[in-house]
N, C-alpha and C. Protein backbone atom coordinates (compact mmCIF):
# COMPACT_ATOMS: atom_id res chain seq x y z
N MET A 1 -9.85 31.28 112.56
CA MET A 1 -10.47 29.98 112.56
C MET A 1 -11.79 30.02 111.80
N ALA A 2 -12.53 31.10 111.94
CA ALA A 2 -13.80 31.22 111.26
C ALA A 2 -13.58 31.32 109.76
N VAL A 3 -12.49 31.94 109.34
CA VAL A 3 -12.18 32.07 107.92
C VAL A 3 -11.88 30.69 107.32
N LEU A 4 -11.10 29.88 108.05
CA LEU A 4 -10.76 28.54 107.58
C LEU A 4 -12.00 27.67 107.50
N HIS A 5 -12.86 27.77 108.47
CA HIS A 5 -14.12 27.00 108.45
C HIS A 5 -14.99 27.42 107.28
N GLU A 6 -15.09 28.72 107.02
CA GLU A 6 -15.89 29.23 105.89
C GLU A 6 -15.29 28.78 104.56
N PHE A 7 -13.96 28.75 104.46
CA PHE A 7 -13.28 28.32 103.24
C PHE A 7 -13.57 26.84 102.97
N ARG A 8 -13.51 26.00 103.99
CA ARG A 8 -13.80 24.57 103.83
C ARG A 8 -15.25 24.35 103.42
N ARG A 9 -16.15 25.09 104.01
CA ARG A 9 -17.56 24.93 103.69
C ARG A 9 -17.83 25.30 102.23
N ARG A 10 -17.26 26.38 101.76
CA ARG A 10 -17.49 26.80 100.38
C ARG A 10 -16.73 25.93 99.37
N SER A 11 -15.57 25.44 99.79
CA SER A 11 -14.78 24.63 98.87
C SER A 11 -15.47 23.29 98.58
N ARG A 12 -16.27 22.80 99.48
CA ARG A 12 -16.99 21.54 99.24
C ARG A 12 -17.96 21.70 98.08
N HIS A 13 -18.51 22.87 97.89
CA HIS A 13 -19.45 23.11 96.80
C HIS A 13 -18.74 23.36 95.47
N VAL A 14 -17.46 23.68 95.52
CA VAL A 14 -16.72 24.02 94.30
C VAL A 14 -15.90 22.84 93.79
N VAL A 15 -15.42 21.98 94.67
CA VAL A 15 -14.49 20.91 94.28
C VAL A 15 -15.15 19.94 93.31
N VAL A 16 -16.33 19.50 93.55
CA VAL A 16 -16.98 18.51 92.69
C VAL A 16 -17.20 19.05 91.27
N PRO A 17 -17.74 20.26 91.09
CA PRO A 17 -17.87 20.77 89.72
C PRO A 17 -16.52 20.98 89.02
N VAL A 18 -15.51 21.41 89.76
CA VAL A 18 -14.19 21.61 89.15
C VAL A 18 -13.60 20.27 88.72
N LEU A 19 -13.69 19.25 89.56
CA LEU A 19 -13.20 17.93 89.18
C LEU A 19 -14.00 17.38 87.99
N GLY A 20 -15.29 17.58 87.99
CA GLY A 20 -16.11 17.14 86.86
C GLY A 20 -15.72 17.84 85.57
N ALA A 21 -15.46 19.14 85.64
CA ALA A 21 -15.03 19.90 84.46
C ALA A 21 -13.67 19.40 83.98
N CYS A 22 -12.77 19.06 84.89
CA CYS A 22 -11.46 18.54 84.51
C CYS A 22 -11.59 17.19 83.81
N VAL A 23 -12.44 16.31 84.34
CA VAL A 23 -12.64 15.00 83.71
C VAL A 23 -13.25 15.17 82.32
N ILE A 24 -14.25 16.02 82.19
CA ILE A 24 -14.87 16.27 80.88
C ILE A 24 -13.84 16.88 79.93
N GLY A 25 -13.04 17.81 80.40
CA GLY A 25 -12.00 18.42 79.57
C GLY A 25 -10.98 17.39 79.10
N TYR A 26 -10.62 16.45 79.97
CA TYR A 26 -9.69 15.39 79.61
C TYR A 26 -10.24 14.55 78.45
N PHE A 27 -11.49 14.14 78.57
CA PHE A 27 -12.08 13.30 77.52
C PHE A 27 -12.29 14.08 76.21
N VAL A 28 -12.66 15.34 76.32
CA VAL A 28 -12.83 16.15 75.11
C VAL A 28 -11.49 16.33 74.40
N TYR A 29 -10.44 16.60 75.16
CA TYR A 29 -9.11 16.76 74.57
C TYR A 29 -8.70 15.50 73.81
N HIS A 30 -8.86 14.34 74.43
CA HIS A 30 -8.45 13.09 73.79
C HIS A 30 -9.40 12.67 72.67
N THR A 31 -10.62 13.14 72.70
CA THR A 31 -11.53 12.89 71.57
C THR A 31 -11.05 13.63 70.34
N VAL A 32 -10.48 14.78 70.51
CA VAL A 32 -10.01 15.57 69.37
C VAL A 32 -8.56 15.25 69.04
N GLN A 33 -7.67 15.23 70.03
CA GLN A 33 -6.23 15.14 69.79
C GLN A 33 -5.64 13.74 69.96
N GLY A 34 -6.37 12.78 70.49
CA GLY A 34 -5.81 11.48 70.82
C GLY A 34 -5.40 10.65 69.61
N ASP A 35 -4.81 9.49 69.89
CA ASP A 35 -4.37 8.59 68.84
C ASP A 35 -5.53 8.12 67.96
N ARG A 36 -6.70 8.04 68.53
CA ARG A 36 -7.88 7.65 67.77
C ARG A 36 -8.92 8.77 67.75
N GLY A 37 -8.43 9.99 67.84
CA GLY A 37 -9.30 11.16 67.88
C GLY A 37 -9.73 11.62 66.50
N LEU A 38 -10.42 12.73 66.48
CA LEU A 38 -10.96 13.27 65.23
C LEU A 38 -9.87 13.70 64.26
N LEU A 39 -8.82 14.33 64.76
CA LEU A 39 -7.73 14.76 63.87
C LEU A 39 -7.01 13.56 63.26
N ALA A 40 -6.79 12.52 64.06
CA ALA A 40 -6.17 11.31 63.53
C ALA A 40 -7.08 10.64 62.50
N TYR A 41 -8.37 10.67 62.73
CA TYR A 41 -9.33 10.10 61.79
C TYR A 41 -9.28 10.84 60.45
N MET A 42 -9.23 12.15 60.51
CA MET A 42 -9.19 12.94 59.27
C MET A 42 -7.87 12.70 58.52
N ARG A 43 -6.76 12.59 59.25
CA ARG A 43 -5.47 12.33 58.62
C ARG A 43 -5.47 10.95 57.96
N LEU A 44 -5.98 9.95 58.66
CA LEU A 44 -6.03 8.60 58.10
C LEU A 44 -7.00 8.52 56.93
N SER A 45 -8.07 9.27 56.97
CA SER A 45 -9.01 9.28 55.83
C SER A 45 -8.32 9.83 54.59
N GLY A 46 -7.51 10.86 54.76
CA GLY A 46 -6.75 11.41 53.64
C GLY A 46 -5.75 10.41 53.09
N GLU A 47 -5.07 9.68 53.98
CA GLU A 47 -4.11 8.66 53.54
C GLU A 47 -4.82 7.54 52.79
N VAL A 48 -5.98 7.15 53.26
CA VAL A 48 -6.75 6.10 52.57
C VAL A 48 -7.17 6.57 51.19
N ALA A 49 -7.59 7.81 51.06
CA ALA A 49 -7.99 8.35 49.76
C ALA A 49 -6.81 8.36 48.80
N ARG A 50 -5.64 8.76 49.28
CA ARG A 50 -4.45 8.76 48.42
C ARG A 50 -4.06 7.34 48.03
N ALA A 51 -4.15 6.40 48.96
CA ALA A 51 -3.82 5.00 48.66
C ALA A 51 -4.80 4.41 47.65
N GLU A 52 -6.08 4.77 47.76
CA GLU A 52 -7.06 4.28 46.79
C GLU A 52 -6.80 4.85 45.40
N ALA A 53 -6.33 6.09 45.34
CA ALA A 53 -5.99 6.69 44.04
C ALA A 53 -4.79 5.96 43.42
N VAL A 54 -3.80 5.64 44.23
CA VAL A 54 -2.64 4.90 43.74
C VAL A 54 -3.06 3.50 43.28
N LEU A 55 -3.95 2.88 44.04
CA LEU A 55 -4.46 1.57 43.66
C LEU A 55 -5.21 1.62 42.34
N ALA A 56 -6.02 2.64 42.13
CA ALA A 56 -6.75 2.78 40.88
C ALA A 56 -5.78 2.95 39.71
N ASP A 57 -4.72 3.74 39.90
CA ASP A 57 -3.71 3.90 38.85
C ASP A 57 -3.01 2.58 38.56
N ALA A 58 -2.68 1.84 39.60
CA ALA A 58 -2.00 0.55 39.41
C ALA A 58 -2.92 -0.44 38.70
N ARG A 59 -4.21 -0.43 39.03
CA ARG A 59 -5.14 -1.33 38.35
C ARG A 59 -5.29 -0.96 36.88
N ALA A 60 -5.32 0.33 36.58
CA ALA A 60 -5.43 0.77 35.19
C ALA A 60 -4.18 0.35 34.41
N GLU A 61 -3.02 0.50 35.01
CA GLU A 61 -1.77 0.07 34.36
C GLU A 61 -1.77 -1.43 34.13
N ARG A 62 -2.24 -2.17 35.13
CA ARG A 62 -2.29 -3.62 34.98
C ARG A 62 -3.24 -4.02 33.86
N MET A 63 -4.39 -3.36 33.77
CA MET A 63 -5.34 -3.68 32.70
C MET A 63 -4.72 -3.37 31.34
N ARG A 64 -3.99 -2.26 31.24
CA ARG A 64 -3.34 -1.90 29.98
C ARG A 64 -2.31 -2.95 29.60
N LEU A 65 -1.51 -3.39 30.57
CA LEU A 65 -0.49 -4.40 30.28
C LEU A 65 -1.12 -5.75 29.95
N GLU A 66 -2.19 -6.12 30.65
CA GLU A 66 -2.88 -7.38 30.35
C GLU A 66 -3.45 -7.36 28.94
N HIS A 67 -3.95 -6.20 28.52
CA HIS A 67 -4.48 -6.09 27.16
C HIS A 67 -3.38 -6.30 26.13
N LYS A 68 -2.20 -5.70 26.38
CA LYS A 68 -1.09 -5.88 25.45
C LYS A 68 -0.64 -7.34 25.42
N VAL A 69 -0.62 -8.00 26.57
CA VAL A 69 -0.23 -9.41 26.62
C VAL A 69 -1.25 -10.27 25.88
N ASN A 70 -2.54 -9.96 26.06
CA ASN A 70 -3.58 -10.73 25.37
C ASN A 70 -3.49 -10.57 23.86
N LEU A 71 -3.02 -9.42 23.39
CA LEU A 71 -2.85 -9.24 21.95
C LEU A 71 -1.73 -10.13 21.39
N LEU A 72 -0.78 -10.52 22.24
CA LEU A 72 0.30 -11.39 21.82
C LEU A 72 0.03 -12.85 22.13
N ASP A 73 -1.15 -13.17 22.60
CA ASP A 73 -1.52 -14.54 22.93
C ASP A 73 -1.56 -15.38 21.64
N GLY A 74 -1.18 -16.62 21.75
CA GLY A 74 -1.13 -17.50 20.58
C GLY A 74 -2.48 -17.75 19.94
N ASP A 75 -3.55 -17.74 20.71
CA ASP A 75 -4.89 -18.02 20.16
C ASP A 75 -5.42 -16.84 19.35
N SER A 76 -5.12 -15.64 19.76
CA SER A 76 -5.62 -14.46 19.05
C SER A 76 -4.46 -13.50 18.80
N LEU A 77 -3.51 -13.93 18.02
CA LEU A 77 -2.31 -13.15 17.77
C LEU A 77 -2.61 -11.96 16.87
N ASP A 78 -2.26 -10.78 17.33
CA ASP A 78 -2.40 -9.56 16.55
C ASP A 78 -1.08 -9.31 15.83
N LEU A 79 -1.09 -9.37 14.51
CA LEU A 79 0.15 -9.28 13.75
C LEU A 79 0.82 -7.92 13.88
N ASP A 80 0.04 -6.86 14.00
CA ASP A 80 0.63 -5.53 14.18
C ASP A 80 1.39 -5.44 15.51
N MET A 81 0.80 -6.02 16.56
CA MET A 81 1.47 -6.01 17.86
C MET A 81 2.73 -6.87 17.81
N LEU A 82 2.67 -8.00 17.12
CA LEU A 82 3.83 -8.87 16.99
C LEU A 82 4.95 -8.14 16.26
N GLU A 83 4.62 -7.45 15.18
CA GLU A 83 5.63 -6.69 14.44
C GLU A 83 6.21 -5.57 15.29
N GLU A 84 5.37 -4.89 16.04
CA GLU A 84 5.85 -3.82 16.91
C GLU A 84 6.82 -4.35 17.94
N ARG A 85 6.49 -5.45 18.57
CA ARG A 85 7.36 -6.03 19.58
C ARG A 85 8.67 -6.54 18.97
N ALA A 86 8.59 -7.15 17.78
CA ALA A 86 9.80 -7.65 17.13
C ALA A 86 10.74 -6.50 16.78
N ARG A 87 10.19 -5.41 16.28
CA ARG A 87 11.02 -4.26 15.94
C ARG A 87 11.63 -3.64 17.21
N ASP A 88 10.86 -3.61 18.27
CA ASP A 88 11.36 -3.05 19.52
C ASP A 88 12.48 -3.91 20.10
N VAL A 89 12.28 -5.21 20.12
CA VAL A 89 13.26 -6.11 20.70
C VAL A 89 14.52 -6.18 19.84
N LEU A 90 14.35 -6.29 18.53
CA LEU A 90 15.50 -6.41 17.64
C LEU A 90 16.14 -5.08 17.29
N ASN A 91 15.45 -3.98 17.60
CA ASN A 91 15.95 -2.64 17.32
C ASN A 91 16.26 -2.48 15.84
N ARG A 92 15.32 -2.89 14.99
CA ARG A 92 15.52 -2.86 13.55
C ARG A 92 14.35 -2.14 12.89
N VAL A 93 14.65 -1.46 11.77
CA VAL A 93 13.63 -0.85 10.93
C VAL A 93 14.03 -1.07 9.48
N ARG A 94 13.07 -0.85 8.60
CA ARG A 94 13.38 -0.95 7.17
C ARG A 94 14.03 0.35 6.71
N ASP A 95 14.64 0.30 5.55
CA ASP A 95 15.37 1.47 5.03
C ASP A 95 14.44 2.64 4.72
N ASP A 96 13.20 2.36 4.34
CA ASP A 96 12.30 3.44 3.94
C ASP A 96 11.45 3.98 5.10
N GLU A 97 11.77 3.61 6.31
CA GLU A 97 10.99 4.04 7.48
C GLU A 97 11.72 5.13 8.24
N ILE A 98 10.95 5.97 8.89
CA ILE A 98 11.50 6.99 9.78
C ILE A 98 11.01 6.69 11.20
N VAL A 99 11.93 6.72 12.15
CA VAL A 99 11.59 6.43 13.54
C VAL A 99 11.48 7.75 14.30
N VAL A 100 10.34 7.93 14.96
CA VAL A 100 10.12 9.12 15.79
C VAL A 100 9.96 8.64 17.23
N PHE A 101 10.86 9.05 18.10
CA PHE A 101 10.81 8.63 19.50
C PHE A 101 9.89 9.59 20.25
N MET A 102 8.93 9.04 20.95
CA MET A 102 7.98 9.82 21.75
C MET A 102 8.36 9.69 23.22
N PRO A 103 8.25 10.78 23.99
CA PRO A 103 8.57 10.68 25.42
C PRO A 103 7.56 9.80 26.13
N VAL A 104 8.04 9.03 27.08
CA VAL A 104 7.19 8.14 27.85
C VAL A 104 6.51 8.94 28.95
N GLU A 105 5.19 8.87 29.01
CA GLU A 105 4.45 9.58 30.06
C GLU A 105 4.37 8.68 31.27
N GLY A 106 4.47 9.27 32.44
CA GLY A 106 4.32 8.45 33.64
C GLY A 106 5.12 8.97 34.69
């Protein structure tokens, strides 16, 4: 009986710190591993960086295409661009020309 009484008396001093450590451990774990934790933040930051790089590439491509379209605009028609497009669409060349096909990068 004395052993049980001594165990209860000492356990009162241990239970509160152990429960506190468990609660702190729970929050620390979810701060690092949770859905909105540090690891998820780093993963999402990497995805955002990759998406921004893709967006920058798409914007550069759009600017390049807009420039080509503006060269074919009726107000400021570039005759070299018009000839290039006509030859491309009609698939025609003159007899004294040589056609060299270049690989498309992308």
